Amino acid sequence: MIRMLTSTLLAFLLTFSVLGGTAFAAPGGQYRAEPAAPPAASRLVVRDIIWKCGAGGCVAPRSNSRPAIDCSALAHEVGTLRSFTVEGRTLDPAALEKCNAKAR
């Protein structure tokens, strides 16, 4: 019994580390954002979402919040966004403008 629990725990930890800590990410997609200016950090935590940023923009697993809320929170942290994509669908210009209203 203890061996089985140990094996299960080990398998979970290995899976969690291989997936880069995304085992608890909300299922169903990913966010992509392109800030107008590169963020100062390559890793940001905004509203419990871990964003990884590089030359091509920022990516994060989709959360349980509405995308508009997560977009505004990111814009507040990094400044104006050129684009924000949810599961491959880019926000329309009006929604992006509303998102960027929270930019610093």
Protein backbone atom coordinates (compact mmCIF):
# COMPACT_ATOMS: atom_id res chain seq x y z
CA MET A 1 0.00 0.00 0.00
CA ILE A 2 2.76 2.44 0.96
CA ARG A 3 4.74 1.49 -2.14
CA MET A 4 1.69 2.21 -4.31
CA LEU A 5 1.15 5.63 -2.69
CA THR A 6 4.82 6.46 -3.06
CA SER A 7 4.76 5.46 -6.72
CA THR A 8 1.65 7.55 -7.36
CA LEU A 9 3.12 10.58 -5.63
CA LEU A 10 6.39 10.21 -7.52
CA ALA A 11 4.54 9.93 -10.84
CA PHE A 12 2.53 13.06 -10.04
CA LEU A 13 5.63 15.05 -9.09
CA LEU A 14 7.45 13.93 -12.20
CA THR A 15 4.50 14.87 -14.39
CA PHE A 16 4.22 18.24 -12.68
CA SER A 17 7.91 19.02 -13.21
CA VAL A 18 7.92 17.82 -16.84
CA LEU A 19 4.94 19.99 -17.66
CA GLY A 20 6.66 23.02 -16.19
CA GLY A 21 4.18 23.39 -13.37
CA THR A 22 1.13 23.46 -15.61
CA ALA A 23 -0.57 20.45 -14.05
CA PHE A 24 -3.00 22.78 -12.32
CA ALA A 25 -3.65 25.06 -15.28
CA ALA A 26 -7.23 25.48 -16.32
CA PRO A 27 -8.07 23.14 -19.17
CA GLY A 28 -9.03 24.51 -22.51
CA GLY A 29 -6.37 26.66 -23.98
CA GLN A 30 -3.87 29.37 -23.77
CA TYR A 31 -3.48 33.12 -23.73
CA ARG A 32 -1.04 34.99 -25.95
CA ALA A 33 -0.31 38.69 -25.64
CA GLU A 34 1.96 41.09 -27.47
CA PRO A 35 2.94 44.04 -25.29
CA ALA A 36 3.81 47.28 -27.11
CA ALA A 37 7.05 47.40 -25.10
CA PRO A 38 8.93 44.34 -23.86
CA PRO A 39 8.19 43.57 -20.19
CA ALA A 40 11.07 44.05 -17.74
CA ALA A 41 10.80 40.42 -16.56
CA SER A 42 10.63 37.19 -18.54
CA ARG A 43 8.28 35.66 -15.97
CA LEU A 44 5.33 37.53 -14.48
CA VAL A 45 2.63 36.48 -12.05
CA VAL A 46 -0.55 38.44 -12.63
CA ARG A 47 -3.79 37.43 -10.86
CA ASP A 48 -2.45 33.94 -10.16
CA ILE A 49 -1.51 33.45 -13.82
CA ILE A 50 2.13 32.78 -14.64
CA TRP A 51 3.06 34.60 -17.84
CA LYS A 52 6.25 33.69 -19.71
CA CYS A 53 7.49 36.53 -21.89
CA GLY A 54 10.10 36.72 -24.59
CA ALA A 55 10.84 38.43 -27.88
CA GLY A 56 7.64 37.05 -29.44
CA GLY A 57 5.34 38.24 -26.65
CA CYS A 58 3.87 36.56 -23.60
CA VAL A 59 2.05 33.25 -23.13
CA ALA A 60 0.10 31.76 -20.23
CA PRO A 61 -2.42 29.00 -19.60
CA ARG A 62 -5.99 30.20 -19.73
CA SER A 63 -7.52 30.84 -16.32
CA ASN A 64 -11.05 30.43 -15.01
CA SER A 65 -11.60 34.20 -15.19
CA ARG A 66 -13.08 35.99 -18.15
CA PRO A 67 -10.38 36.77 -20.73
CA ALA A 68 -11.26 40.50 -20.59
CA ILE A 69 -10.34 40.57 -16.88
CA ASP A 70 -7.05 38.75 -17.45
CA CYS A 71 -6.24 41.01 -20.41
CA SER A 72 -6.85 44.15 -18.33
CA ALA A 73 -4.76 42.80 -15.45
CA LEU A 74 -1.84 42.07 -17.78
CA ALA A 75 -2.13 45.50 -19.43
CA HIS A 76 -2.11 47.10 -15.99
CA GLU A 77 1.13 45.25 -15.23
CA VAL A 78 3.07 45.58 -18.52
CA GLY A 79 1.44 48.52 -20.30
CA THR A 80 -0.38 48.73 -23.61
CA LEU A 81 -0.95 45.48 -25.49
CA ARG A 82 -0.81 45.29 -29.29
CA SER A 83 -2.81 42.06 -29.25
CA PHE A 84 -4.41 39.56 -26.89
CA THR A 85 -5.38 36.11 -28.11
CA VAL A 86 -7.53 33.49 -26.41
CA GLU A 87 -7.20 29.96 -27.77
CA GLY A 88 -6.14 31.30 -31.17
CA ARG A 89 -8.87 33.98 -31.38
CA THR A 90 -7.64 37.57 -31.25
CA LEU A 91 -9.67 40.13 -29.32
CA ASP A 92 -11.45 42.55 -31.62
CA PRO A 93 -10.21 46.18 -31.66
CA ALA A 94 -12.99 47.44 -29.34
CA ALA A 95 -12.31 44.75 -26.73
CA LEU A 96 -8.55 45.36 -26.95
CA GLU A 97 -9.10 49.10 -26.50
CA LYS A 98 -11.18 48.40 -23.39
CA CYS A 99 -8.45 46.06 -22.12
CA ASN A 100 -5.78 48.71 -22.68
CA ALA A 101 -7.78 51.28 -20.70
CA LYS A 102 -6.20 49.64 -17.63
CA ALA A 103 -2.65 49.98 -18.99
CA ARG A 104 -0.23 52.00 -16.97
